[in-house]
Amino acid sequence: MVPVTLGNPDHAQTIPAGTIKVVLSLRLLAVEEIRSARRFLRTLDRAFPLDDTLFFPVGKHADPAMIPDLLRRVSAGADAGVMSEAGMPGLADPGSIVAAEAHRMNIRVIPLTGPSSIMLALVSSGLNGQRFAFHGYLPVESAVRQKALRDLERRSAGGETQIFMETPFRNGKMLQEILAVCRPSTRLCIAADITLDTEFVRTKSVAAWREALPNLDKRPTVFLLQS
């Protein structure tokens, strides 16, 4: 399971040397997008032999036969990697499909060390790291999303941190709805641009956030709630 940077152009800041060494040895890769995967590999090593590497797209638009083909090659003795668009594969990412099939075929799954915006946001938030739940993306439709936010706030009252994300261009709308729906005393962490020079991580009460809002437009952001 191959981690990818969260956007920091200096991969050495977030990807350990040992992980890079393993990744550069792989010639079979299951990826979300072939173009971005090729670009990432070239940032690790400009001489990476892309033409000698087989890429297997995974996700909702992928050919279902791709994964069995990849894993048959692994069963025959090859090593393969699963690569996300950003962060760790398998977290808010279709890489879990490949891992699940590998386990079914008794193929060893090895997690390589690297950044996860979800985990980095949690550990820097000051919210409960003993009990937490990740919900991915909340519904887009406003009324349904507001109900989901109320439900998450109720769940967090028991001490469980609730974590979710939004598409960067809808961050502003998400933040407005959080502030409109949640109680003033509920704690909200906003973690944007994790690992970038523009990184912003701040936890305050909903009441305090209402006094001044950060600009989250087009910035990858993780939201965390706890009553």
C-alpha atoms as a PDB file:
ATOM      1  CA  MET A   1       0.000   0.000   0.000  1.00  0.00           C
ATOM      2  CA  VAL A   2       1.907   2.996  -1.382  1.00  0.00           C
ATOM      3  CA  PRO A   3       1.497   6.455   0.231  1.00  0.00           C
ATOM      4  CA  VAL A   4       1.568   9.576  -1.924  1.00  0.00           C
ATOM      5  CA  THR A   5       2.345  13.129  -0.839  1.00  0.00           C
ATOM      6  CA  LEU A   6      -0.527  15.469   0.034  1.00  0.00           C
ATOM      7  CA  GLY A   7       0.769  18.068  -2.406  1.00  0.00           C
ATOM      8  CA  ASN A   8       4.104  19.010  -0.887  1.00  0.00           C
ATOM      9  CA  PRO A   9       6.565  19.158  -3.818  1.00  0.00           C
ATOM     10  CA  ASP A  10       9.418  18.057  -1.557  1.00  0.00           C
ATOM     11  CA  HIS A  11       8.537  14.379  -1.162  1.00  0.00           C
ATOM     12  CA  ALA A  12      11.449  13.849   1.250  1.00  0.00           C
ATOM     13  CA  GLN A  13       9.531  15.819   3.907  1.00  0.00           C
ATOM     14  CA  THR A  14       6.673  13.309   4.086  1.00  0.00           C
ATOM     15  CA  ILE A  15       7.731  10.063   2.380  1.00  0.00           C
ATOM     16  CA  PRO A  16      10.429   8.060   4.246  1.00  0.00           C
ATOM     17  CA  ALA A  17      13.499   6.932   2.323  1.00  0.00           C
ATOM     18  CA  GLY A  18      12.668   3.288   2.986  1.00  0.00           C
ATOM     19  CA  THR A  19       9.227   3.714   1.432  1.00  0.00           C
ATOM     20  CA  ILE A  20      10.690   5.435  -1.618  1.00  0.00           C
ATOM     21  CA  LYS A  21      13.179   2.590  -2.100  1.00  0.00           C
ATOM     22  CA  VAL A  22      10.375   0.015  -2.175  1.00  0.00           C
ATOM     23  CA  VAL A  23       8.188   2.093  -4.497  1.00  0.00           C
ATOM     24  CA  LEU A  24      10.981   2.570  -7.010  1.00  0.00           C
ATOM     25  CA  SER A  25      11.391  -1.209  -7.218  1.00  0.00           C
ATOM     26  CA  LEU A  26       7.779  -1.815  -8.298  1.00  0.00           C
ATOM     27  CA  ARG A  27       6.712  -2.401 -11.898  1.00  0.00           C
ATOM     28  CA  LEU A  28       3.077  -3.306 -11.221  1.00  0.00           C
ATOM     29  CA  LEU A  29       0.834  -0.591  -9.792  1.00  0.00           C
ATOM     30  CA  ALA A  30      -2.901  -0.327  -9.130  1.00  0.00           C
ATOM     31  CA  VAL A  31      -3.757   3.383  -9.258  1.00  0.00           C
ATOM     32  CA  GLU A  32      -6.709   5.773  -9.293  1.00  0.00           C
ATOM     33  CA  GLU A  33      -5.373   7.848 -12.189  1.00  0.00           C
ATOM     34  CA  ILE A  34      -2.505   6.680 -14.386  1.00  0.00           C
ATOM     35  CA  ARG A  35      -1.388  10.178 -15.360  1.00  0.00           C
ATOM     36  CA  SER A  36      -0.970  11.453 -11.801  1.00  0.00           C
ATOM     37  CA  ALA A  37       0.666   8.180 -10.727  1.00  0.00           C
ATOM     38  CA  ARG A  38       3.245   8.510 -13.483  1.00  0.00           C
ATOM     39  CA  ARG A  39       3.866  12.115 -12.478  1.00  0.00           C
ATOM     40  CA  PHE A  40       4.413  11.151  -8.829  1.00  0.00           C
ATOM     41  CA  LEU A  41       6.865   8.394  -9.752  1.00  0.00           C
ATOM     42  CA  ARG A  42       8.864  10.837 -11.834  1.00  0.00           C
ATOM     43  CA  THR A  43       9.064  13.222  -8.853  1.00  0.00           C
ATOM     44  CA  LEU A  44      10.634  10.368  -6.872  1.00  0.00           C
ATOM     45  CA  ASP A  45      13.083   9.540  -9.659  1.00  0.00           C
ATOM     46  CA  ARG A  46      13.244  11.313 -13.003  1.00  0.00           C
ATOM     47  CA  ALA A  47      14.704   8.150 -14.509  1.00  0.00           C
ATOM     48  CA  PHE A  48      11.886   5.894 -13.286  1.00  0.00           C
ATOM     49  CA  PRO A  49      11.164   3.376 -16.115  1.00  0.00           C
ATOM     50  CA  LEU A  50       7.536   4.272 -16.788  1.00  0.00           C
ATOM     51  CA  ASP A  51       7.504   2.384 -20.091  1.00  0.00           C
ATOM     52  CA  ASP A  52       8.457  -0.809 -18.271  1.00  0.00           C
ATOM     53  CA  THR A  53       5.690  -0.394 -15.678  1.00  0.00           C
ATOM     54  CA  LEU A  54       2.165  -1.785 -15.913  1.00  0.00           C
ATOM     55  CA  PHE A  55      -0.590   0.402 -14.459  1.00  0.00           C
ATOM     56  CA  PHE A  56      -3.960  -1.045 -13.464  1.00  0.00           C
ATOM     57  CA  PRO A  57      -6.733   1.566 -12.957  1.00  0.00           C
ATOM     58  CA  VAL A  58      -9.008   0.921  -9.972  1.00  0.00           C
ATOM     59  CA  GLY A  59     -12.182   2.637  -8.867  1.00  0.00           C
ATOM     60  CA  LYS A  60     -15.764   2.974 -10.061  1.00  0.00           C
ATOM     61  CA  HIS A  61     -14.869   3.393 -13.745  1.00  0.00           C
ATOM     62  CA  ALA A  62     -12.244   0.653 -13.887  1.00  0.00           C
ATOM     63  CA  ASP A  63     -12.490  -2.675 -15.676  1.00  0.00           C
ATOM     64  CA  PRO A  64     -13.382  -5.293 -12.983  1.00  0.00           C
ATOM     65  CA  ALA A  65     -10.997  -7.762 -14.647  1.00  0.00           C
ATOM     66  CA  MET A  66      -8.016  -5.521 -13.896  1.00  0.00           C
ATOM     67  CA  ILE A  67      -7.639  -6.494 -10.239  1.00  0.00           C
ATOM     68  CA  PRO A  68      -7.657 -10.274 -10.770  1.00  0.00           C
ATOM     69  CA  ASP A  69      -5.131  -9.823 -13.595  1.00  0.00           C
ATOM     70  CA  LEU A  70      -2.857  -7.801 -11.310  1.00  0.00           C
ATOM     71  CA  LEU A  71      -3.109 -10.272  -8.440  1.00  0.00           C
ATOM     72  CA  ARG A  72      -2.486 -13.286 -10.675  1.00  0.00           C
ATOM     73  CA  ARG A  73       0.836 -11.691 -11.535  1.00  0.00           C
ATOM     74  CA  VAL A  74       1.537 -11.208  -7.816  1.00  0.00           C
ATOM     75  CA  SER A  75       0.654 -14.828  -7.113  1.00  0.00           C
ATOM     76  CA  ALA A  76       3.188 -15.770  -9.768  1.00  0.00           C
ATOM     77  CA  GLY A  77       5.918 -14.036  -7.782  1.00  0.00           C
ATOM     78  CA  ALA A  78       5.845 -10.322  -8.662  1.00  0.00           C
ATOM     79  CA  ASP A  79       5.459  -7.446  -6.199  1.00  0.00           C
ATOM     80  CA  ALA A  80       2.787  -4.821  -6.815  1.00  0.00           C
ATOM     81  CA  GLY A  81       1.761  -1.512  -5.286  1.00  0.00           C
ATOM     82  CA  VAL A  82      -1.577   0.177  -4.658  1.00  0.00           C
ATOM     83  CA  MET A  83      -1.352   3.953  -5.010  1.00  0.00           C
ATOM     84  CA  SER A  84      -3.869   6.635  -4.010  1.00  0.00           C
ATOM     85  CA  GLU A  85      -4.183  10.085  -5.564  1.00  0.00           C
ATOM     86  CA  ALA A  86      -2.996  11.581  -2.280  1.00  0.00           C
ATOM     87  CA  GLY A  87      -2.173  10.202   1.144  1.00  0.00           C
ATOM     88  CA  MET A  88      -2.695   6.568   2.098  1.00  0.00           C
ATOM     89  CA  PRO A  89      -4.489   4.101  -0.196  1.00  0.00           C
ATOM     90  CA  GLY A  90      -7.557   2.534   1.360  1.00  0.00           C
ATOM     91  CA  LEU A  91      -8.585   5.652   3.300  1.00  0.00           C
ATOM     92  CA  ALA A  92     -11.353   7.482   1.395  1.00  0.00           C
ATOM     93  CA  ASP A  93      -9.933   5.651  -1.594  1.00  0.00           C
ATOM     94  CA  PRO A  94     -10.755   2.569  -3.733  1.00  0.00           C
ATOM     95  CA  GLY A  95      -7.439   0.911  -2.839  1.00  0.00           C
ATOM     96  CA  SER A  96      -9.265  -1.147  -0.194  1.00  0.00           C
ATOM     97  CA  ILE A  97     -10.848  -3.149  -3.038  1.00  0.00           C
ATOM     98  CA  VAL A  98      -7.425  -4.411  -4.100  1.00  0.00           C
ATOM     99  CA  ALA A  99      -6.369  -5.154  -0.519  1.00  0.00           C
ATOM    100  CA  ALA A 100      -9.572  -7.096   0.153  1.00  0.00           C
ATOM    101  CA  GLU A 101      -9.096  -9.256  -2.923  1.00  0.00           C
ATOM    102  CA  ALA A 102      -5.449  -9.822  -2.028  1.00  0.00           C
ATOM    103  CA  HIS A 103      -6.466 -11.126   1.402  1.00  0.00           C
ATOM    104  CA  ARG A 104      -9.009 -13.425  -0.236  1.00  0.00           C
ATOM    105  CA  MET A 105      -6.214 -14.861  -2.364  1.00  0.00           C
ATOM    106  CA  ASN A 106      -3.862 -15.200   0.643  1.00  0.00           C
ATOM    107  CA  ILE A 107      -1.519 -12.535  -0.731  1.00  0.00           C
ATOM    108  CA  ARG A 108       0.402 -10.545   1.881  1.00  0.00           C
ATOM    109  CA  VAL A 109      -0.628  -6.862   2.129  1.00  0.00           C
ATOM    110  CA  ILE A 110       2.122  -4.530   3.375  1.00  0.00           C
ATOM    111  CA  PRO A 111       1.332  -0.946   4.453  1.00  0.00           C
ATOM    112  CA  LEU A 112       4.163   1.467   3.681  1.00  0.00           C
ATOM    113  CA  THR A 113       4.673   4.525   5.872  1.00  0.00           C
ATOM    114  CA  GLY A 114       3.516   7.908   4.607  1.00  0.00           C
ATOM    115  CA  PRO A 115       1.149  10.829   5.192  1.00  0.00           C
ATOM    116  CA  SER A 116      -2.596  10.652   5.819  1.00  0.00           C
ATOM    117  CA  SER A 117      -4.493  13.935   6.019  1.00  0.00           C
ATOM    118  CA  ILE A 118      -7.144  12.244   8.161  1.00  0.00           C
ATOM    119  CA  MET A 119      -4.739  10.951  10.800  1.00  0.00           C
ATOM    120  CA  LEU A 120      -2.536  14.071  10.765  1.00  0.00           C
ATOM    121  CA  ALA A 121      -5.608  16.253  11.249  1.00  0.00           C
ATOM    122  CA  LEU A 122      -6.801  14.113  14.149  1.00  0.00           C
ATOM    123  CA  VAL A 123      -3.523  14.029  16.071  1.00  0.00           C
ATOM    124  CA  SER A 124      -3.054  17.792  15.715  1.00  0.00           C
ATOM    125  CA  SER A 125      -6.660  18.702  16.570  1.00  0.00           C
ATOM    126  CA  GLY A 126      -6.563  18.152  20.324  1.00  0.00           C
ATOM    127  CA  LEU A 127      -9.809  16.180  20.014  1.00  0.00           C
ATOM    128  CA  ASN A 128     -10.325  12.610  21.201  1.00  0.00           C
ATOM    129  CA  GLY A 129      -7.855  10.280  19.502  1.00  0.00           C
ATOM    130  CA  GLN A 130      -8.993   7.220  21.480  1.00  0.00           C
ATOM    131  CA  ARG A 131     -12.463   7.114  19.927  1.00  0.00           C
ATOM    132  CA  PHE A 132     -13.150   8.538  16.497  1.00  0.00           C
ATOM    133  CA  ALA A 133     -15.096   7.834  13.307  1.00  0.00           C
ATOM    134  CA  PHE A 134     -14.381   8.858   9.733  1.00  0.00           C
ATOM    135  CA  HIS A 135     -17.388   9.515   7.491  1.00  0.00           C
ATOM    136  CA  GLY A 136     -15.772  10.483   4.201  1.00  0.00           C
ATOM    137  CA  TYR A 137     -17.871  12.973   2.236  1.00  0.00           C
ATOM    138  CA  LEU A 138     -21.239  14.071   3.598  1.00  0.00           C
ATOM    139  CA  PRO A 139     -24.322  14.375   1.352  1.00  0.00           C
ATOM    140  CA  VAL A 140     -24.306  17.269  -1.131  1.00  0.00           C
ATOM    141  CA  GLU A 141     -27.968  18.266  -0.817  1.00  0.00           C
ATOM    142  CA  SER A 142     -28.230  20.956   1.853  1.00  0.00           C
ATOM    143  CA  ALA A 143     -31.130  19.637   3.949  1.00  0.00           C
ATOM    144  CA  VAL A 144     -29.745  16.097   3.988  1.00  0.00           C
ATOM    145  CA  ARG A 145     -26.281  17.364   4.860  1.00  0.00           C
ATOM    146  CA  GLN A 146     -27.599  19.476   7.725  1.00  0.00           C
ATOM    147  CA  LYS A 147     -29.356  16.416   9.135  1.00  0.00           C
ATOM    148  CA  ALA A 148     -26.083  14.470   8.814  1.00  0.00           C
ATOM    149  CA  LEU A 149     -24.237  17.222  10.703  1.00  0.00           C
ATOM    150  CA  ARG A 150     -26.778  17.135  13.522  1.00  0.00           C
ATOM    151  CA  ASP A 151     -26.427  13.368  13.716  1.00  0.00           C
ATOM    152  CA  LEU A 152     -22.614  13.640  13.884  1.00  0.00           C
ATOM    153  CA  GLU A 153     -22.842  16.258  16.619  1.00  0.00           C
ATOM    154  CA  ARG A 154     -25.098  13.971  18.656  1.00  0.00           C
ATOM    155  CA  ARG A 155     -22.660  11.078  18.199  1.00  0.00           C
ATOM    156  CA  SER A 156     -19.762  13.240  19.283  1.00  0.00           C
ATOM    157  CA  ALA A 157     -21.500  14.059  22.573  1.00  0.00           C
ATOM    158  CA  GLY A 158     -20.360  10.662  23.834  1.00  0.00           C
ATOM    159  CA  GLY A 159     -16.722  11.676  23.361  1.00  0.00           C
ATOM    160  CA  GLU A 160     -16.191  10.249  19.885  1.00  0.00           C
ATOM    161  CA  THR A 161     -14.500  12.616  17.416  1.00  0.00           C
ATOM    162  CA  GLN A 162     -16.366  12.821  14.102  1.00  0.00           C
ATOM    163  CA  ILE A 163     -14.197  13.333  11.008  1.00  0.00           C
ATOM    164  CA  PHE A 164     -15.337  14.191   7.491  1.00  0.00           C
ATOM    165  CA  MET A 165     -14.184  15.902   4.305  1.00  0.00           C
ATOM    166  CA  GLU A 166     -15.549  18.036   1.495  1.00  0.00           C
ATOM    167  CA  THR A 167     -14.651  18.738  -2.103  1.00  0.00           C
ATOM    168  CA  PRO A 168     -12.377  21.815  -1.912  1.00  0.00           C
ATOM    169  CA  PHE A 169     -14.643  24.101  -3.955  1.00  0.00           C
ATOM    170  CA  ARG A 170     -17.538  23.402  -1.557  1.00  0.00           C
ATOM    171  CA  ASN A 171     -15.580  24.004   1.664  1.00  0.00           C
ATOM    172  CA  GLY A 172     -17.107  27.417   2.231  1.00  0.00           C
ATOM    173  CA  LYS A 173     -20.662  26.103   2.006  1.00  0.00           C
ATOM    174  CA  MET A 174     -19.805  23.217   4.327  1.00  0.00           C
ATOM    175  CA  LEU A 175     -18.326  25.558   6.930  1.00  0.00           C
ATOM    176  CA  GLN A 176     -21.372  27.856   6.790  1.00  0.00           C
ATOM    177  CA  GLU A 177     -23.696  24.923   7.388  1.00  0.00           C
ATOM    178  CA  ILE A 178     -21.610  23.582  10.283  1.00  0.00           C
ATOM    179  CA  LEU A 179     -21.767  26.977  11.967  1.00  0.00           C
ATOM    180  CA  ALA A 180     -25.502  27.283  11.311  1.00  0.00           C
ATOM    181  CA  VAL A 181     -26.423  23.801  12.548  1.00  0.00           C
ATOM    182  CA  CYS A 182     -24.071  22.996  15.439  1.00  0.00           C
ATOM    183  CA  ARG A 183     -24.290  24.236  19.009  1.00  0.00           C
ATOM    184  CA  PRO A 184     -22.051  27.173  20.006  1.00  0.00           C
ATOM    185  CA  SER A 185     -20.095  25.038  22.492  1.00  0.00           C
ATOM    186  CA  THR A 186     -19.262  22.234  20.023  1.00  0.00           C
ATOM    187  CA  ARG A 187     -15.578  22.119  19.167  1.00  0.00           C
ATOM    188  CA  LEU A 188     -14.656  22.247  15.501  1.00  0.00           C
ATOM    189  CA  CYS A 189     -11.207  21.623  14.078  1.00  0.00           C
ATOM    190  CA  ILE A 190     -10.449  22.869  10.577  1.00  0.00           C
ATOM    191  CA  ALA A 191      -7.341  21.263   9.068  1.00  0.00           C
ATOM    192  CA  ALA A 192      -6.430  22.598   5.628  1.00  0.00           C
ATOM    193  CA  ASP A 193      -3.428  22.100   3.353  1.00  0.00           C
ATOM    194  CA  ILE A 194      -1.888  19.460   5.616  1.00  0.00           C
ATOM    195  CA  THR A 195       1.931  19.216   5.125  1.00  0.00           C
ATOM    196  CA  LEU A 196       2.007  22.245   2.785  1.00  0.00           C
ATOM    197  CA  ASP A 197       3.639  25.606   3.501  1.00  0.00           C
ATOM    198  CA  THR A 198       0.094  27.014   3.816  1.00  0.00           C
ATOM    199  CA  GLU A 199      -0.945  24.400   6.403  1.00  0.00           C
ATOM    200  CA  PHE A 200      -3.693  25.575   8.744  1.00  0.00           C
ATOM    201  CA  VAL A 201      -4.890  23.552  11.753  1.00  0.00           C
ATOM    202  CA  ARG A 202      -7.052  25.243  14.366  1.00  0.00           C
ATOM    203  CA  THR A 203      -9.616  23.981  16.912  1.00  0.00           C
ATOM    204  CA  LYS A 204     -12.141  26.384  18.406  1.00  0.00           C
ATOM    205  CA  SER A 205     -15.738  26.379  19.538  1.00  0.00           C
ATOM    206  CA  VAL A 206     -18.403  26.948  16.918  1.00  0.00           C
ATOM    207  CA  ALA A 207     -19.188  30.254  18.647  1.00  0.00           C
ATOM    208  CA  ALA A 208     -15.569  31.386  18.275  1.00  0.00           C
ATOM    209  CA  TRP A 209     -15.434  30.359  14.606  1.00  0.00           C
ATOM    210  CA  ARG A 210     -18.488  32.515  13.909  1.00  0.00           C
ATOM    211  CA  GLU A 211     -16.404  35.573  14.783  1.00  0.00           C
ATOM    212  CA  ALA A 212     -13.870  35.019  11.978  1.00  0.00           C
ATOM    213  CA  LEU A 213     -13.741  32.447   9.181  1.00  0.00           C
ATOM    214  CA  PRO A 214     -10.659  31.164   7.336  1.00  0.00           C
ATOM    215  CA  ASN A 215     -10.561  31.179   3.536  1.00  0.00           C
ATOM    216  CA  LEU A 216     -10.845  27.521   2.549  1.00  0.00           C
ATOM    217  CA  ASP A 217     -11.543  28.002  -1.145  1.00  0.00           C
ATOM    218  CA  LYS A 218      -9.927  25.188  -3.185  1.00  0.00           C
ATOM    219  CA  ARG A 219      -7.879  24.031  -0.183  1.00  0.00           C
ATOM    220  CA  PRO A 220      -7.979  20.308   0.738  1.00  0.00           C
ATOM    221  CA  THR A 221      -9.637  20.324   4.165  1.00  0.00           C
ATOM    222  CA  VAL A 222     -10.562  17.887   6.912  1.00  0.00           C
ATOM    223  CA  PHE A 223     -13.271  18.808   9.426  1.00  0.00           C
ATOM    224  CA  LEU A 224     -13.452  17.322  12.945  1.00  0.00           C
ATOM    225  CA  LEU A 225     -16.288  17.730  15.466  1.00  0.00           C
ATOM    226  CA  GLN A 226     -16.598  16.938  19.146  1.00  0.00           C
ATOM    227  CA  SER A 227     -19.255  18.137  21.592  1.00  0.00           C
END
